[in-house]
Protein backbone atom coordinates (compact mmCIF):
# COMPACT_ATOMS: atom_id res chain seq x y z
CA UNK A 1 5.39 -10.91 -27.53
CA UNK A 2 4.23 -10.16 -23.99
CA UNK A 3 7.47 -8.30 -23.35
CA UNK A 4 6.86 -6.18 -26.45
CA UNK A 5 3.32 -5.35 -25.33
CA UNK A 6 4.53 -4.43 -21.85
CA UNK A 7 7.26 -2.21 -23.25
CA UNK A 8 4.80 -0.49 -25.58
CA UNK A 9 2.36 0.09 -22.72
CA UNK A 10 5.09 1.55 -20.50
CA UNK A 11 6.24 3.80 -23.33
CA UNK A 12 2.71 5.14 -23.81
CA UNK A 13 2.06 5.65 -20.09
CA UNK A 14 5.40 7.42 -19.64
CA UNK A 15 3.72 10.58 -20.87
CA UNK A 16 1.34 10.56 -17.92
CA UNK A 17 3.96 10.07 -15.20
CA UNK A 18 5.06 13.09 -13.19
CA UNK A 19 8.17 13.76 -11.20
CA UNK A 20 7.92 13.44 -7.45
CA UNK A 21 8.38 16.92 -6.03
CA UNK A 22 8.43 15.94 -2.38
CA UNK A 23 10.78 12.97 -2.51
CA UNK A 24 12.00 13.75 1.02
CA UNK A 25 8.53 12.85 2.29
CA UNK A 26 8.55 9.35 0.79
CA UNK A 27 9.78 7.69 4.02
CA UNK A 28 6.81 9.24 5.85
CA UNK A 29 4.44 7.88 3.21
CA UNK A 30 6.08 4.46 3.41
CA UNK A 31 5.65 4.34 7.18
CA UNK A 32 2.02 5.43 6.91
CA UNK A 33 1.31 2.70 4.36
CA UNK A 34 2.97 0.06 6.52
CA UNK A 35 0.91 1.13 9.54
CA UNK A 36 -2.28 1.13 7.46
CA UNK A 37 -1.56 -2.39 6.20
CA UNK A 38 -0.85 -3.64 9.71
CA UNK A 39 -4.07 -2.11 10.99
CA UNK A 40 -5.99 -3.88 8.22
CA UNK A 41 -4.40 -7.18 9.16
CA UNK A 42 -5.35 -6.66 12.80
CA UNK A 43 -8.93 -5.92 11.78
CA UNK A 44 -9.05 -9.17 9.80
CA UNK A 45 -7.78 -11.10 12.81
CA UNK A 46 -10.41 -9.51 15.06
CA UNK A 47 -13.15 -10.34 12.54
CA UNK A 48 -12.02 -13.95 12.36
CA UNK A 49 -12.08 -14.35 16.14
């Protein structure tokens, strides 16, 4: 039943999804997200010290 609900939800939300127009910029976004995550981890380490 959970699988059915998930499929129905994905089918309904499909209408709201948009195509990525700048797919060549995805590696830049990925790198920025990785750096942001690492910075957050460093901040947590500094706060714990």
